[in-house]
Amino acid sequence: MHSLGVVSAPLASNLEETRALRLSARRVRAQAAAVRALASEERVRSAALRPASPMMGPRSAGRAGAASARETVLTDVDLIIHSATLFAFTVNGKYVRIAPDDLLPGTTVVRAGDRGRVVIPRWLAEVLEIA
């Protein structure tokens, strides 16, 4: 038995481990929140570049045909799935899935089975390793 105020060595060790795990979990949550904030900020920047619908095309005539440094143009893309939540295609033999909201003006594929061009933000192409 323990007397009041005295903690045995195994119990003290468990308390230290618990505190360390809680601290580690806090750090992980803080890092995840920072990553979400960066991703959200990048989505806001990307949204400023595109119209409400990817089918509306470029906002200005000066942009037509020319990709900016913030976007990647993928050519010879085969669209496999197109839905409200998923846009799946193959490019250079690689299967890729993205959200339709990530499409930028200049995208020419519209329906499953189409072959053409997809324009996405540069950061997304780098994450998907297709840049």
C-alpha atoms as a PDB file:
ATOM      1  CA  MET A   1       0.000   0.000   0.000  1.00  0.00           C
ATOM      2  CA  HIS A   2       0.948   3.568  -0.552  1.00  0.00           C
ATOM      3  CA  SER A   3       1.021   6.150   2.145  1.00  0.00           C
ATOM      4  CA  LEU A   4      -0.510   9.486   1.236  1.00  0.00           C
ATOM      5  CA  GLY A   5       1.816  11.695  -0.780  1.00  0.00           C
ATOM      6  CA  VAL A   6       4.209   8.886  -1.693  1.00  0.00           C
ATOM      7  CA  VAL A   7       4.114   7.483  -5.225  1.00  0.00           C
ATOM      8  CA  SER A   8       5.861   4.263  -6.127  1.00  0.00           C
ATOM      9  CA  ALA A   9       8.503   4.266  -8.880  1.00  0.00           C
ATOM     10  CA  PRO A  10       6.431   2.320 -11.468  1.00  0.00           C
ATOM     11  CA  LEU A  11       3.456   4.608 -10.947  1.00  0.00           C
ATOM     12  CA  ALA A  12       5.630   7.733 -11.222  1.00  0.00           C
ATOM     13  CA  SER A  13       7.107   6.361 -14.457  1.00  0.00           C
ATOM     14  CA  ASN A  14       3.619   5.799 -15.875  1.00  0.00           C
ATOM     15  CA  LEU A  15       2.624   9.345 -14.954  1.00  0.00           C
ATOM     16  CA  GLU A  16       5.705  10.733 -16.724  1.00  0.00           C
ATOM     17  CA  GLU A  17       4.961   8.633 -19.809  1.00  0.00           C
ATOM     18  CA  THR A  18       1.358   9.833 -19.798  1.00  0.00           C
ATOM     19  CA  ARG A  19       2.469  13.465 -19.556  1.00  0.00           C
ATOM     20  CA  ALA A  20       4.976  12.938 -22.376  1.00  0.00           C
ATOM     21  CA  LEU A  21       2.317  11.332 -24.586  1.00  0.00           C
ATOM     22  CA  ARG A  22      -0.108  14.181 -23.911  1.00  0.00           C
ATOM     23  CA  LEU A  23       2.567  16.722 -24.795  1.00  0.00           C
ATOM     24  CA  SER A  24       3.395  14.789 -27.958  1.00  0.00           C
ATOM     25  CA  ALA A  25      -0.299  14.625 -28.903  1.00  0.00           C
ATOM     26  CA  ARG A  26      -0.591  18.406 -28.401  1.00  0.00           C
ATOM     27  CA  ARG A  27       2.386  18.963 -30.693  1.00  0.00           C
ATOM     28  CA  VAL A  28       0.906  16.696 -33.368  1.00  0.00           C
ATOM     29  CA  ARG A  29      -2.454  18.516 -33.158  1.00  0.00           C
ATOM     30  CA  ALA A  30      -0.675  21.879 -33.418  1.00  0.00           C
ATOM     31  CA  GLN A  31       1.287  20.716 -36.475  1.00  0.00           C
ATOM     32  CA  ALA A  32      -1.886  19.357 -38.101  1.00  0.00           C
ATOM     33  CA  ALA A  33      -3.643  22.668 -37.484  1.00  0.00           C
ATOM     34  CA  ALA A  34      -0.722  24.526 -39.070  1.00  0.00           C
ATOM     35  CA  VAL A  35      -0.818  22.258 -42.150  1.00  0.00           C
ATOM     36  CA  ARG A  36      -4.595  22.741 -42.470  1.00  0.00           C
ATOM     37  CA  ALA A  37      -4.142  26.513 -42.222  1.00  0.00           C
ATOM     38  CA  LEU A  38      -1.506  26.484 -44.982  1.00  0.00           C
ATOM     39  CA  ALA A  39      -3.663  24.290 -47.208  1.00  0.00           C
ATOM     40  CA  SER A  40      -6.644  26.556 -46.618  1.00  0.00           C
ATOM     41  CA  GLU A  41      -4.562  29.630 -47.454  1.00  0.00           C
ATOM     42  CA  GLU A  42      -3.367  27.988 -50.690  1.00  0.00           C
ATOM     43  CA  ARG A  43      -6.947  27.067 -51.638  1.00  0.00           C
ATOM     44  CA  VAL A  44      -7.965  30.697 -51.168  1.00  0.00           C
ATOM     45  CA  ARG A  45      -5.115  31.800 -53.433  1.00  0.00           C
ATOM     46  CA  SER A  46      -6.049  29.161 -56.025  1.00  0.00           C
ATOM     47  CA  ALA A  47      -9.725  30.136 -55.868  1.00  0.00           C
ATOM     48  CA  ALA A  48      -8.812  33.722 -56.695  1.00  0.00           C
ATOM     49  CA  LEU A  49      -7.342  32.480 -59.978  1.00  0.00           C
ATOM     50  CA  ARG A  50     -10.388  30.576 -61.189  1.00  0.00           C
ATOM     51  CA  PRO A  51     -13.964  31.476 -62.070  1.00  0.00           C
ATOM     52  CA  ALA A  52     -16.973  29.901 -60.357  1.00  0.00           C
ATOM     53  CA  SER A  53     -16.984  27.035 -62.877  1.00  0.00           C
ATOM     54  CA  PRO A  54     -14.016  25.444 -64.660  1.00  0.00           C
ATOM     55  CA  MET A  55     -16.103  25.429 -67.830  1.00  0.00           C
ATOM     56  CA  MET A  56     -16.185  29.245 -67.973  1.00  0.00           C
ATOM     57  CA  GLY A  57     -12.634  29.387 -69.285  1.00  0.00           C
ATOM     58  CA  PRO A  58      -9.948  31.985 -68.628  1.00  0.00           C
ATOM     59  CA  ARG A  59     -10.914  35.249 -66.930  1.00  0.00           C
ATOM     60  CA  SER A  60      -8.943  37.369 -69.339  1.00  0.00           C
ATOM     61  CA  ALA A  61      -8.022  36.953 -72.969  1.00  0.00           C
ATOM     62  CA  GLY A  62      -4.386  37.583 -72.080  1.00  0.00           C
ATOM     63  CA  ARG A  63      -4.224  34.330 -70.108  1.00  0.00           C
ATOM     64  CA  ALA A  64      -5.619  32.081 -72.820  1.00  0.00           C
ATOM     65  CA  GLY A  65      -3.140  29.371 -73.735  1.00  0.00           C
ATOM     66  CA  ALA A  66      -0.395  30.526 -71.368  1.00  0.00           C
ATOM     67  CA  ALA A  67       0.128  28.864 -68.006  1.00  0.00           C
ATOM     68  CA  SER A  68       1.297  30.995 -65.121  1.00  0.00           C
ATOM     69  CA  ALA A  69       4.012  29.938 -62.691  1.00  0.00           C
ATOM     70  CA  ARG A  70       1.281  28.986 -60.188  1.00  0.00           C
ATOM     71  CA  GLU A  71      -0.423  26.387 -62.394  1.00  0.00           C
ATOM     72  CA  THR A  72       0.467  23.191 -64.217  1.00  0.00           C
ATOM     73  CA  VAL A  73      -0.990  22.176 -67.580  1.00  0.00           C
ATOM     74  CA  LEU A  74      -1.334  18.418 -68.079  1.00  0.00           C
ATOM     75  CA  THR A  75      -1.842  17.339 -71.688  1.00  0.00           C
ATOM     76  CA  ASP A  76      -3.079  14.013 -73.097  1.00  0.00           C
ATOM     77  CA  VAL A  77      -5.206  13.362 -70.030  1.00  0.00           C
ATOM     78  CA  ASP A  78      -7.810  10.570 -70.162  1.00  0.00           C
ATOM     79  CA  LEU A  79     -10.765  11.379 -67.907  1.00  0.00           C
ATOM     80  CA  ILE A  80     -12.058   8.215 -66.244  1.00  0.00           C
ATOM     81  CA  ILE A  81     -14.525   9.482 -63.606  1.00  0.00           C
ATOM     82  CA  HIS A  82     -16.250  12.837 -63.346  1.00  0.00           C
ATOM     83  CA  SER A  83     -18.664  13.482 -60.500  1.00  0.00           C
ATOM     84  CA  ALA A  84     -19.507  16.276 -58.088  1.00  0.00           C
ATOM     85  CA  THR A  85     -16.846  15.037 -55.664  1.00  0.00           C
ATOM     86  CA  LEU A  86     -14.273  13.201 -57.769  1.00  0.00           C
ATOM     87  CA  PHE A  87     -12.306  13.861 -60.909  1.00  0.00           C
ATOM     88  CA  ALA A  88     -10.199  10.791 -61.780  1.00  0.00           C
ATOM     89  CA  PHE A  89      -7.886  10.632 -64.780  1.00  0.00           C
ATOM     90  CA  THR A  90      -4.703   9.095 -66.106  1.00  0.00           C
ATOM     91  CA  VAL A  91      -1.747  11.165 -67.155  1.00  0.00           C
ATOM     92  CA  ASN A  92       1.508   9.609 -68.356  1.00  0.00           C
ATOM     93  CA  GLY A  93       0.227   6.219 -67.201  1.00  0.00           C
ATOM     94  CA  LYS A  94      -0.426   7.405 -63.630  1.00  0.00           C
ATOM     95  CA  TYR A  95      -3.916   7.243 -62.072  1.00  0.00           C
ATOM     96  CA  VAL A  96      -4.767  10.530 -60.342  1.00  0.00           C
ATOM     97  CA  ARG A  97      -7.813  11.632 -58.305  1.00  0.00           C
ATOM     98  CA  ILE A  98      -8.583  15.248 -57.408  1.00  0.00           C
ATOM     99  CA  ALA A  99     -11.532  17.344 -56.314  1.00  0.00           C
ATOM    100  CA  PRO A 100     -13.307  19.165 -59.177  1.00  0.00           C
ATOM    101  CA  ASP A 101     -12.813  22.415 -57.222  1.00  0.00           C
ATOM    102  CA  ASP A 102      -9.070  22.146 -57.919  1.00  0.00           C
ATOM    103  CA  LEU A 103      -9.535  22.505 -61.690  1.00  0.00           C
ATOM    104  CA  LEU A 104      -8.399  25.817 -63.126  1.00  0.00           C
ATOM    105  CA  PRO A 105      -9.571  27.671 -66.251  1.00  0.00           C
ATOM    106  CA  GLY A 106      -8.267  26.077 -69.419  1.00  0.00           C
ATOM    107  CA  THR A 107      -9.311  22.525 -68.521  1.00  0.00           C
ATOM    108  CA  THR A 108     -10.805  20.906 -71.625  1.00  0.00           C
ATOM    109  CA  VAL A 109     -11.934  17.473 -70.385  1.00  0.00           C
ATOM    110  CA  VAL A 110     -15.557  17.480 -69.236  1.00  0.00           C
ATOM    111  CA  ARG A 111     -17.039  13.971 -69.295  1.00  0.00           C
ATOM    112  CA  ALA A 112     -15.764  10.483 -68.585  1.00  0.00           C
ATOM    113  CA  GLY A 113     -14.013   9.209 -71.709  1.00  0.00           C
ATOM    114  CA  ASP A 114     -12.793  12.660 -72.801  1.00  0.00           C
ATOM    115  CA  ARG A 115      -9.143  13.179 -73.675  1.00  0.00           C
ATOM    116  CA  GLY A 116      -7.545  16.577 -73.425  1.00  0.00           C
ATOM    117  CA  ARG A 117      -5.982  19.103 -71.093  1.00  0.00           C
ATOM    118  CA  VAL A 118      -6.259  19.570 -67.320  1.00  0.00           C
ATOM    119  CA  VAL A 119      -4.991  22.699 -65.565  1.00  0.00           C
ATOM    120  CA  ILE A 120      -4.344  22.442 -61.816  1.00  0.00           C
ATOM    121  CA  PRO A 121      -2.439  24.493 -59.226  1.00  0.00           C
ATOM    122  CA  ARG A 122       1.324  23.916 -59.197  1.00  0.00           C
ATOM    123  CA  TRP A 123       1.302  22.905 -55.499  1.00  0.00           C
ATOM    124  CA  LEU A 124      -1.205  20.128 -56.218  1.00  0.00           C
ATOM    125  CA  ALA A 125       0.835  18.776 -59.124  1.00  0.00           C
ATOM    126  CA  GLU A 126       3.884  18.651 -56.866  1.00  0.00           C
ATOM    127  CA  VAL A 127       1.991  16.850 -54.099  1.00  0.00           C
ATOM    128  CA  LEU A 128       0.644  14.309 -56.614  1.00  0.00           C
ATOM    129  CA  GLU A 129       4.134  13.995 -58.149  1.00  0.00           C
ATOM    130  CA  ILE A 130       2.887  14.694 -61.676  1.00  0.00           C
ATOM    131  CA  ALA A 131       4.633  18.042 -62.244  1.00  0.00           C
END
